[in-house]
Amino acid sequence: MKHKAKLLFVLGCLILINHAAIAQPQDDYSLQFKIDIEKKISRSFSTSVFYQNAFNQNASELFYNIIDGGIDYKISRHFSLDARYRFVTIRNLENFYDNRNMIYTDITYTKGISRFSIMARGRLQRQFYGSMNNENLISYRDYCRTKVADKI
């Protein structure tokens, strides 16, 4: 009798897990491309360029395009400072592309402890929006963003 109860319990669990694990159908195939280039100028200075795009609708139309470049300065072993510019093109709901321009600066603290590392970043950012001729559209917005992350 114990054996039958265990078997029924296992079968019930498998049925529930199977019901919960049904995946959503994939309606779209997307394709992403990314390249990141960095060049050291000296021990403290480096410059980098980042490019990324993504295609959706079965990889037939551009969804977004990002170009980011800037200069990085390593203040000390744990602190770094960078100044960057980012240009983003993204498809909107009306099937047109909106342009975004962003300038930002980051100050970052990283600390490694044994196999772990922690990173804290503060970012001051100004993002410029689309056409400046449209009176209903804001021209820019300022942000102050923070991030804390860890790695193993």
C-alpha atoms as a PDB file:
ATOM      1  CA  MET A   1       0.000   0.000   0.000  1.00  0.00           C
ATOM      2  CA  LYS A   2       2.852   2.371   0.811  1.00  0.00           C
ATOM      3  CA  HIS A   3       4.330   1.712  -2.590  1.00  0.00           C
ATOM      4  CA  LYS A   4       1.097   2.696  -4.404  1.00  0.00           C
ATOM      5  CA  ALA A   5       0.818   5.939  -2.405  1.00  0.00           C
ATOM      6  CA  LYS A   6       4.403   6.904  -3.292  1.00  0.00           C
ATOM      7  CA  LEU A   7       3.797   6.086  -6.944  1.00  0.00           C
ATOM      8  CA  LEU A   8       0.596   8.182  -7.028  1.00  0.00           C
ATOM      9  CA  PHE A   9       2.403  11.054  -5.304  1.00  0.00           C
ATOM     10  CA  VAL A  10       5.273  10.956  -7.827  1.00  0.00           C
ATOM     11  CA  LEU A  11       2.850  10.783 -10.776  1.00  0.00           C
ATOM     12  CA  GLY A  12       0.839  13.697  -9.365  1.00  0.00           C
ATOM     13  CA  CYS A  13       4.013  15.774  -8.975  1.00  0.00           C
ATOM     14  CA  LEU A  14       5.106  14.956 -12.529  1.00  0.00           C
ATOM     15  CA  ILE A  15       1.711  15.996 -13.904  1.00  0.00           C
ATOM     16  CA  LEU A  16       1.826  19.295 -11.984  1.00  0.00           C
ATOM     17  CA  ILE A  17       5.423  19.993 -13.045  1.00  0.00           C
ATOM     18  CA  ASN A  18       4.591  19.185 -16.661  1.00  0.00           C
ATOM     19  CA  HIS A  19       1.592  21.521 -16.564  1.00  0.00           C
ATOM     20  CA  ALA A  20       3.675  24.352 -15.057  1.00  0.00           C
ATOM     21  CA  ALA A  21       6.577  23.807 -17.461  1.00  0.00           C
ATOM     22  CA  ILE A  22       4.671  24.333 -20.710  1.00  0.00           C
ATOM     23  CA  ALA A  23       6.630  26.989 -22.593  1.00  0.00           C
ATOM     24  CA  GLN A  24       5.211  29.886 -24.546  1.00  0.00           C
ATOM     25  CA  PRO A  25       5.365  29.395 -28.317  1.00  0.00           C
ATOM     26  CA  GLN A  26       8.099  31.341 -30.080  1.00  0.00           C
ATOM     27  CA  ASP A  27       6.395  33.781 -32.441  1.00  0.00           C
ATOM     28  CA  ASP A  28       9.505  35.583 -33.589  1.00  0.00           C
ATOM     29  CA  TYR A  29      13.141  34.907 -34.330  1.00  0.00           C
ATOM     30  CA  SER A  30      15.561  37.676 -33.378  1.00  0.00           C
ATOM     31  CA  LEU A  31      19.216  38.235 -34.177  1.00  0.00           C
ATOM     32  CA  GLN A  32      21.729  40.324 -32.225  1.00  0.00           C
ATOM     33  CA  PHE A  33      25.220  41.473 -33.104  1.00  0.00           C
ATOM     34  CA  LYS A  34      27.696  43.043 -30.696  1.00  0.00           C
ATOM     35  CA  ILE A  35      31.284  44.242 -30.967  1.00  0.00           C
ATOM     36  CA  ASP A  36      33.381  45.959 -28.300  1.00  0.00           C
ATOM     37  CA  ILE A  37      36.832  47.456 -29.026  1.00  0.00           C
ATOM     38  CA  GLU A  38      39.151  48.900 -26.388  1.00  0.00           C
ATOM     39  CA  LYS A  39      42.556  50.540 -26.832  1.00  0.00           C
ATOM     40  CA  LYS A  40      44.894  51.345 -23.939  1.00  0.00           C
ATOM     41  CA  ILE A  41      46.521  54.759 -24.326  1.00  0.00           C
ATOM     42  CA  SER A  42      48.552  54.588 -21.094  1.00  0.00           C
ATOM     43  CA  ARG A  43      48.390  52.822 -17.725  1.00  0.00           C
ATOM     44  CA  SER A  44      45.553  55.121 -16.632  1.00  0.00           C
ATOM     45  CA  PHE A  45      43.790  56.064 -19.889  1.00  0.00           C
ATOM     46  CA  SER A  46      41.943  53.907 -22.386  1.00  0.00           C
ATOM     47  CA  THR A  47      39.353  54.507 -25.069  1.00  0.00           C
ATOM     48  CA  SER A  48      36.637  52.182 -26.236  1.00  0.00           C
ATOM     49  CA  VAL A  49      33.872  51.859 -28.804  1.00  0.00           C
ATOM     50  CA  PHE A  50      30.856  49.599 -28.427  1.00  0.00           C
ATOM     51  CA  TYR A  51      28.409  48.693 -31.210  1.00  0.00           C
ATOM     52  CA  GLN A  52      25.272  46.567 -30.891  1.00  0.00           C
ATOM     53  CA  ASN A  53      22.171  45.998 -32.970  1.00  0.00           C
ATOM     54  CA  ALA A  54      19.193  43.692 -32.857  1.00  0.00           C
ATOM     55  CA  PHE A  55      16.850  42.501 -35.581  1.00  0.00           C
ATOM     56  CA  ASN A  56      13.373  41.133 -34.927  1.00  0.00           C
ATOM     57  CA  GLN A  57      10.421  39.926 -37.045  1.00  0.00           C
ATOM     58  CA  ASN A  58      12.316  36.776 -37.988  1.00  0.00           C
ATOM     59  CA  ALA A  59      15.535  38.828 -38.325  1.00  0.00           C
ATOM     60  CA  SER A  60      14.051  40.905 -41.163  1.00  0.00           C
ATOM     61  CA  GLU A  61      13.820  44.396 -39.582  1.00  0.00           C
ATOM     62  CA  LEU A  62      16.109  46.447 -37.395  1.00  0.00           C
ATOM     63  CA  PHE A  63      14.750  46.820 -33.845  1.00  0.00           C
ATOM     64  CA  TYR A  64      17.525  48.922 -32.321  1.00  0.00           C
ATOM     65  CA  ASN A  65      21.048  50.101 -33.022  1.00  0.00           C
ATOM     66  CA  ILE A  66      23.517  51.376 -30.374  1.00  0.00           C
ATOM     67  CA  ILE A  67      26.874  53.077 -30.853  1.00  0.00           C
ATOM     68  CA  ASP A  68      28.742  54.043 -27.683  1.00  0.00           C
ATOM     69  CA  GLY A  69      32.232  55.509 -27.338  1.00  0.00           C
ATOM     70  CA  GLY A  70      34.314  57.270 -24.745  1.00  0.00           C
ATOM     71  CA  ILE A  71      37.419  57.670 -22.625  1.00  0.00           C
ATOM     72  CA  ASP A  72      38.111  55.781 -19.405  1.00  0.00           C
ATOM     73  CA  TYR A  73      40.485  56.970 -16.666  1.00  0.00           C
ATOM     74  CA  LYS A  74      41.681  54.663 -13.901  1.00  0.00           C
ATOM     75  CA  ILE A  75      42.098  56.882 -10.827  1.00  0.00           C
ATOM     76  CA  SER A  76      43.440  54.133  -8.554  1.00  0.00           C
ATOM     77  CA  ARG A  77      43.340  50.374  -8.241  1.00  0.00           C
ATOM     78  CA  HIS A  78      39.681  50.469  -7.181  1.00  0.00           C
ATOM     79  CA  PHE A  79      38.281  53.713  -8.678  1.00  0.00           C
ATOM     80  CA  SER A  80      37.710  54.594 -12.328  1.00  0.00           C
ATOM     81  CA  LEU A  81      36.057  57.493 -14.129  1.00  0.00           C
ATOM     82  CA  ASP A  82      34.752  57.598 -17.694  1.00  0.00           C
ATOM     83  CA  ALA A  83      33.079  60.054 -20.045  1.00  0.00           C
ATOM     84  CA  ARG A  84      30.993  58.633 -22.885  1.00  0.00           C
ATOM     85  CA  TYR A  85      28.603  59.413 -25.736  1.00  0.00           C
ATOM     86  CA  ARG A  86      25.861  57.020 -26.904  1.00  0.00           C
ATOM     87  CA  PHE A  87      23.675  57.174 -30.006  1.00  0.00           C
ATOM     88  CA  VAL A  88      20.606  54.898 -30.104  1.00  0.00           C
ATOM     89  CA  THR A  89      18.147  54.276 -32.924  1.00  0.00           C
ATOM     90  CA  ILE A  90      15.049  52.316 -31.884  1.00  0.00           C
ATOM     91  CA  ARG A  91      11.867  51.327 -33.720  1.00  0.00           C
ATOM     92  CA  ASN A  92       8.745  52.841 -32.131  1.00  0.00           C
ATOM     93  CA  LEU A  93       5.154  51.554 -32.112  1.00  0.00           C
ATOM     94  CA  GLU A  94       4.279  53.506 -35.290  1.00  0.00           C
ATOM     95  CA  ASN A  95       7.010  51.544 -37.131  1.00  0.00           C
ATOM     96  CA  PHE A  96       9.361  54.530 -37.446  1.00  0.00           C
ATOM     97  CA  TYR A  97      12.770  55.008 -35.856  1.00  0.00           C
ATOM     98  CA  ASP A  98      13.413  57.349 -32.930  1.00  0.00           C
ATOM     99  CA  ASN A  99      16.901  58.675 -32.253  1.00  0.00           C
ATOM    100  CA  ARG A 100      18.301  59.134 -28.762  1.00  0.00           C
ATOM    101  CA  ASN A 101      21.583  60.846 -27.915  1.00  0.00           C
ATOM    102  CA  MET A 102      23.124  60.457 -24.507  1.00  0.00           C
ATOM    103  CA  ILE A 103      26.177  61.881 -22.797  1.00  0.00           C
ATOM    104  CA  TYR A 104      27.143  60.424 -19.452  1.00  0.00           C
ATOM    105  CA  THR A 105      29.931  60.036 -16.957  1.00  0.00           C
ATOM    106  CA  ASP A 106      30.464  57.158 -14.539  1.00  0.00           C
ATOM    107  CA  ILE A 107      32.488  56.824 -11.382  1.00  0.00           C
ATOM    108  CA  THR A 108      33.025  53.184 -10.460  1.00  0.00           C
ATOM    109  CA  TYR A 109      34.418  51.410  -7.418  1.00  0.00           C
ATOM    110  CA  THR A 110      35.411  47.744  -7.692  1.00  0.00           C
ATOM    111  CA  LYS A 111      36.800  45.521  -4.963  1.00  0.00           C
ATOM    112  CA  GLY A 112      37.830  41.896  -5.219  1.00  0.00           C
ATOM    113  CA  ILE A 113      37.543  39.674  -2.150  1.00  0.00           C
ATOM    114  CA  SER A 114      38.844  36.150  -2.672  1.00  0.00           C
ATOM    115  CA  ARG A 115      36.696  34.683  -5.489  1.00  0.00           C
ATOM    116  CA  PHE A 116      34.079  37.450  -5.234  1.00  0.00           C
ATOM    117  CA  SER A 117      34.056  41.009  -6.487  1.00  0.00           C
ATOM    118  CA  ILE A 118      31.705  43.898  -5.856  1.00  0.00           C
ATOM    119  CA  MET A 119      31.120  46.912  -8.060  1.00  0.00           C
ATOM    120  CA  ALA A 120      29.346  50.175  -7.235  1.00  0.00           C
ATOM    121  CA  ARG A 121      28.708  52.712  -9.978  1.00  0.00           C
ATOM    122  CA  GLY A 122      27.274  56.214 -10.011  1.00  0.00           C
ATOM    123  CA  ARG A 123      26.182  57.710 -13.340  1.00  0.00           C
ATOM    124  CA  LEU A 124      25.232  61.246 -14.310  1.00  0.00           C
ATOM    125  CA  GLN A 125      23.455  61.181 -17.657  1.00  0.00           C
ATOM    126  CA  ARG A 126      21.743  63.614 -19.997  1.00  0.00           C
ATOM    127  CA  GLN A 127      19.542  62.034 -22.669  1.00  0.00           C
ATOM    128  CA  PHE A 128      18.388  64.032 -25.694  1.00  0.00           C
ATOM    129  CA  TYR A 129      15.170  63.006 -27.423  1.00  0.00           C
ATOM    130  CA  GLY A 130      14.151  63.011 -31.083  1.00  0.00           C
ATOM    131  CA  SER A 131      13.320  66.079 -33.113  1.00  0.00           C
ATOM    132  CA  MET A 132      13.700  69.407 -31.348  1.00  0.00           C
ATOM    133  CA  ASN A 133      11.075  70.951 -33.684  1.00  0.00           C
ATOM    134  CA  ASN A 134       8.127  69.193 -32.023  1.00  0.00           C
ATOM    135  CA  GLU A 135       6.775  71.382 -29.206  1.00  0.00           C
ATOM    136  CA  ASN A 136       5.044  68.396 -27.548  1.00  0.00           C
ATOM    137  CA  LEU A 137       8.310  66.522 -27.155  1.00  0.00           C
ATOM    138  CA  ILE A 138      10.752  67.192 -24.336  1.00  0.00           C
ATOM    139  CA  SER A 139      14.217  68.000 -25.639  1.00  0.00           C
ATOM    140  CA  TYR A 140      16.288  66.350 -22.899  1.00  0.00           C
ATOM    141  CA  ARG A 141      16.140  64.747 -19.475  1.00  0.00           C
ATOM    142  CA  ASP A 142      18.817  64.431 -16.773  1.00  0.00           C
ATOM    143  CA  TYR A 143      19.282  61.232 -14.777  1.00  0.00           C
ATOM    144  CA  CYS A 144      21.330  60.166 -11.793  1.00  0.00           C
ATOM    145  CA  ARG A 145      21.646  56.373 -11.798  1.00  0.00           C
ATOM    146  CA  THR A 146      23.361  54.031  -9.372  1.00  0.00           C
ATOM    147  CA  LYS A 147      24.173  50.359  -9.651  1.00  0.00           C
ATOM    148  CA  VAL A 148      25.629  47.784  -7.280  1.00  0.00           C
ATOM    149  CA  ALA A 149      26.588  44.340  -8.584  1.00  0.00           C
ATOM    150  CA  ASP A 150      28.569  41.326  -7.487  1.00  0.00           C
ATOM    151  CA  LYS A 151      30.364  38.530  -9.337  1.00  0.00           C
ATOM    152  CA  ILE A 152      31.599  35.122  -8.379  1.00  0.00           C
END
